[in-house]
Amino acid sequence: MAGKFELYQDKQGQYRFRLKAGNGQSIATGEGYTTKKAALNGIESIRKNAPEAKLDDQTG
């Protein structure tokens, strides 16, 4: 099964999303957004940029 984004509202009414792997484990979470549209834009940004994202290993 492929991963999926879950869009939800937190207790403060902010829109948030989490990216879940195919096994159901949460692998990333988004910040709080004041509008659903802004949260959806955040998801789209990840979809567009993640395939080209480089690793910046700062562990030394």
N, C-alpha and C. Protein backbone atom coordinates (compact mmCIF):
# COMPACT_ATOMS: atom_id res chain seq x y z
N MET A 1 0.84 -1.18 0.00
CA MET A 1 0.00 0.00 0.00
C MET A 1 0.89 1.25 0.00
N ALA A 2 0.50 2.22 -0.77
CA ALA A 2 1.26 3.48 -0.85
C ALA A 2 0.98 4.33 0.39
N GLY A 3 1.87 5.28 0.63
CA GLY A 3 1.66 6.21 1.74
C GLY A 3 0.50 7.14 1.45
N LYS A 4 0.12 7.91 2.47
CA LYS A 4 -0.98 8.85 2.29
C LYS A 4 -0.81 10.04 3.22
N PHE A 5 -1.40 11.15 2.83
CA PHE A 5 -1.49 12.33 3.67
C PHE A 5 -2.82 12.29 4.40
N GLU A 6 -2.80 12.60 5.70
CA GLU A 6 -4.03 12.76 6.48
C GLU A 6 -4.15 14.23 6.86
N LEU A 7 -5.28 14.83 6.54
CA LEU A 7 -5.56 16.23 6.86
C LEU A 7 -6.57 16.25 8.00
N TYR A 8 -6.29 17.04 9.04
CA TYR A 8 -7.19 17.07 10.19
C TYR A 8 -7.11 18.43 10.88
N GLN A 9 -8.04 18.68 11.79
CA GLN A 9 -8.01 19.89 12.62
C GLN A 9 -7.65 19.49 14.04
N ASP A 10 -6.75 20.28 14.66
CA ASP A 10 -6.36 20.01 16.04
C ASP A 10 -7.37 20.64 17.00
N LYS A 11 -7.13 20.52 18.29
CA LYS A 11 -8.06 21.02 19.30
C LYS A 11 -8.22 22.54 19.27
N GLN A 12 -7.21 23.24 18.74
CA GLN A 12 -7.27 24.70 18.64
C GLN A 12 -7.90 25.16 17.32
N GLY A 13 -8.31 24.22 16.48
CA GLY A 13 -8.95 24.56 15.21
C GLY A 13 -7.98 24.78 14.06
N GLN A 14 -6.69 24.52 14.28
CA GLN A 14 -5.70 24.67 13.22
C GLN A 14 -5.74 23.43 12.32
N TYR A 15 -5.49 23.65 11.05
CA TYR A 15 -5.41 22.55 10.10
C TYR A 15 -3.99 22.00 10.09
N ARG A 16 -3.89 20.69 10.15
CA ARG A 16 -2.58 20.02 10.17
C ARG A 16 -2.65 18.80 9.25
N PHE A 17 -1.48 18.32 8.88
CA PHE A 17 -1.43 17.08 8.11
C PHE A 17 -0.29 16.23 8.62
N ARG A 18 -0.43 14.95 8.36
CA ARG A 18 0.66 14.02 8.63
C ARG A 18 0.78 13.12 7.40
N LEU A 19 2.00 12.72 7.12
CA LEU A 19 2.29 11.79 6.03
C LEU A 19 2.53 10.43 6.67
N LYS A 20 1.77 9.45 6.22
CA LYS A 20 1.91 8.11 6.76
C LYS A 20 2.45 7.16 5.70
N ALA A 21 3.33 6.28 6.13
CA ALA A 21 3.89 5.25 5.26
C ALA A 21 2.82 4.20 4.97
N GLY A 22 3.12 3.34 4.02
CA GLY A 22 2.18 2.28 3.66
C GLY A 22 1.80 1.37 4.81
N ASN A 23 2.68 1.26 5.81
CA ASN A 23 2.39 0.41 6.97
C ASN A 23 1.60 1.15 8.06
N GLY A 24 1.24 2.42 7.78
CA GLY A 24 0.44 3.19 8.74
C GLY A 24 1.24 4.03 9.71
N GLN A 25 2.56 3.89 9.67
CA GLN A 25 3.41 4.65 10.60
C GLN A 25 3.55 6.09 10.12
N SER A 26 3.42 7.03 11.05
CA SER A 26 3.58 8.45 10.73
C SER A 26 5.05 8.75 10.49
N ILE A 27 5.36 9.37 9.33
CA ILE A 27 6.76 9.65 8.99
C ILE A 27 7.05 11.14 8.86
N ALA A 28 6.01 11.98 8.83
CA ALA A 28 6.21 13.43 8.79
C ALA A 28 4.92 14.12 9.24
N THR A 29 5.07 15.28 9.84
CA THR A 29 3.91 16.07 10.24
C THR A 29 4.11 17.51 9.81
N GLY A 30 3.02 18.15 9.48
CA GLY A 30 3.06 19.55 9.06
C GLY A 30 2.79 20.48 10.22
N GLU A 31 3.14 21.73 10.03
CA GLU A 31 2.86 22.76 11.03
C GLU A 31 1.37 23.04 11.06
N GLY A 32 0.91 23.87 11.99
CA GLY A 32 -0.48 24.28 12.06
C GLY A 32 -0.76 25.40 11.07
N TYR A 33 -1.87 25.30 10.34
CA TYR A 33 -2.28 26.31 9.37
C TYR A 33 -3.64 26.86 9.79
N THR A 34 -3.86 28.13 9.52
CA THR A 34 -5.13 28.74 9.91
C THR A 34 -6.26 28.43 8.95
N THR A 35 -5.93 28.03 7.71
CA THR A 35 -6.96 27.68 6.73
C THR A 35 -6.68 26.31 6.12
N LYS A 36 -7.74 25.68 5.68
CA LYS A 36 -7.60 24.38 5.02
C LYS A 36 -6.81 24.55 3.72
N LYS A 37 -7.06 25.62 2.99
CA LYS A 37 -6.35 25.87 1.74
C LYS A 37 -4.84 25.96 1.97
N ALA A 38 -4.42 26.63 3.03
CA ALA A 38 -3.00 26.75 3.34
C ALA A 38 -2.39 25.38 3.65
N ALA A 39 -3.12 24.54 4.37
CA ALA A 39 -2.63 23.19 4.67
C ALA A 39 -2.50 22.37 3.39
N LEU A 40 -3.47 22.48 2.50
CA LEU A 40 -3.41 21.77 1.23
C LEU A 40 -2.24 22.27 0.38
N ASN A 41 -1.95 23.55 0.45
CA ASN A 41 -0.78 24.10 -0.25
C ASN A 41 0.51 23.51 0.32
N GLY A 42 0.56 23.32 1.64
CA GLY A 42 1.72 22.69 2.28
C GLY A 42 1.93 21.27 1.78
N ILE A 43 0.84 20.54 1.64
CA ILE A 43 0.93 19.17 1.12
C ILE A 43 1.44 19.19 -0.31
N GLU A 44 0.90 20.08 -1.13
CA GLU A 44 1.33 20.16 -2.53
C GLU A 44 2.80 20.54 -2.64
N SER A 45 3.26 21.39 -1.75
CA SER A 45 4.67 21.78 -1.75
C SER A 45 5.56 20.57 -1.49
N ILE A 46 5.17 19.73 -0.57
CA ILE A 46 5.94 18.52 -0.28
C ILE A 46 5.93 17.59 -1.49
N ARG A 47 4.76 17.43 -2.10
CA ARG A 47 4.66 16.56 -3.27
C ARG A 47 5.58 17.02 -4.39
N LYS A 48 5.67 18.32 -4.59
CA LYS A 48 6.49 18.88 -5.67
C LYS A 48 7.98 18.84 -5.35
N ASN A 49 8.36 19.15 -4.11
CA ASN A 49 9.76 19.33 -3.76
C ASN A 49 10.47 18.10 -3.21
N ALA A 50 9.76 17.18 -2.63
CA ALA A 50 10.40 16.04 -1.99
C ALA A 50 11.19 15.16 -2.94
N PRO A 51 10.74 14.90 -4.16
CA PRO A 51 11.52 14.02 -5.04
C PRO A 51 12.92 14.56 -5.34
N GLU A 52 13.10 15.88 -5.22
CA GLU A 52 14.37 16.49 -5.53
C GLU A 52 15.12 16.97 -4.27
N ALA A 53 14.57 16.70 -3.12
CA ALA A 53 15.17 17.17 -1.88
C ALA A 53 16.51 16.48 -1.63
N LYS A 54 17.48 17.27 -1.25
CA LYS A 54 18.81 16.75 -0.94
C LYS A 54 18.91 16.50 0.57
N LEU A 55 19.81 15.64 0.96
CA LEU A 55 20.06 15.39 2.38
C LEU A 55 21.17 16.32 2.88
N ASP A 56 20.86 17.07 3.91
CA ASP A 56 21.87 17.93 4.56
C ASP A 56 22.18 17.30 5.92
N ASP A 57 23.16 16.43 5.95
CA ASP A 57 23.52 15.69 7.17
C ASP A 57 24.34 16.60 8.08
N GLN A 58 23.75 17.03 9.16
CA GLN A 58 24.40 17.95 10.09
C GLN A 58 24.85 17.24 11.37
N THR A 59 25.01 15.93 11.28
CA THR A 59 25.40 15.17 12.47
C THR A 59 26.89 15.19 12.72
N GLY A 60 27.65 15.76 11.80
CA GLY A 60 29.09 15.91 12.04
C GLY A 60 29.87 14.85 11.48
